Protein backbone atom coordinates (compact mmCIF):
# COMPACT_ATOMS: atom_id res chain seq x y z
CA MET A 1 102.27 62.78 62.08
CA LYS A 2 100.82 65.55 59.59
CA ASN A 3 98.82 67.00 62.58
CA LEU A 4 101.45 66.95 64.61
CA HIS A 5 104.01 68.85 62.49
CA LYS A 6 101.16 71.55 62.24
CA VAL A 7 100.69 72.03 66.25
CA ILE A 8 104.19 72.34 66.54
CA ILE A 9 104.67 74.88 63.83
CA LEU A 10 101.43 76.90 65.07
CA PHE A 11 102.92 76.79 68.58
CA ALA A 12 106.49 77.99 67.04
CA PHE A 13 104.58 80.57 65.46
CA ILE A 14 103.06 81.64 68.58
CA PHE A 15 106.14 81.63 70.33
CA VAL A 16 108.03 83.92 67.93
CA ALA A 17 105.12 86.75 67.73
CA GLY A 18 105.14 86.71 71.35
CA ILE A 19 108.78 87.58 71.42
CA PHE A 20 108.23 90.27 68.47
CA VAL A 21 105.50 92.00 70.29
CA THR A 22 107.36 92.04 73.81
CA VAL A 23 110.83 93.01 72.27
CA MET A 24 108.83 96.16 70.05
CA THR A 25 106.91 97.04 73.72
CA VAL A 26 110.14 97.00 75.56
CA ASN A 27 111.77 99.15 72.59
CA THR A 28 108.97 101.61 72.48
CA SER A 29 109.01 102.15 76.16
CA LEU A 30 112.45 102.54 76.43
CA ASN A 31 112.58 105.23 73.71
CA LYS A 32 110.18 107.40 75.37
CA THR A 33 111.64 110.82 76.37
CA ILE A 34 110.71 112.20 79.53
CA ASN A 35 110.53 115.63 80.10
CA THR A 36 111.17 116.73 84.07
CA ASN A 37 110.01 119.93 84.17
CA GLU A 38 110.79 120.68 88.22
CA THR A 39 110.71 124.18 89.39
CA VAL A 40 112.36 125.01 92.67
CA ASP A 41 111.87 128.11 94.20
CA ILE A 42 115.01 128.86 95.84
CA GLN A 43 114.54 132.23 96.99
CA LYS A 44 111.66 131.13 99.51
CA ASP A 45 113.90 128.36 101.06
CA THR A 46 116.99 130.48 101.15
CA LEU A 47 114.69 133.17 103.08
CA TYR A 48 113.13 131.01 105.18
CA LEU A 49 116.47 129.50 106.41
CA LEU A 50 117.86 133.13 106.87
CA GLN A 51 114.87 134.21 108.71
CA ALA A 52 115.19 130.98 111.29
CA GLU A 53 119.28 132.21 111.69
CA LYS A 54 118.02 135.32 112.78
CA LYS A 55 115.66 134.21 115.22
CA THR A 56 118.25 131.78 116.79
CA VAL A 57 121.00 134.36 117.09
């Protein structure tokens, strides 16, 4: 019976440690700041559209 208690405590410790590690991993991945540096060259797109309009008219 004493060994059964040790086994149950061991599995409970592994279970709690797994939950703790999972929560810490999810927290660190959610706290990351994502820097999206997207540069869009609007002038080229607009010039292309204007030239396309001139060709069709």
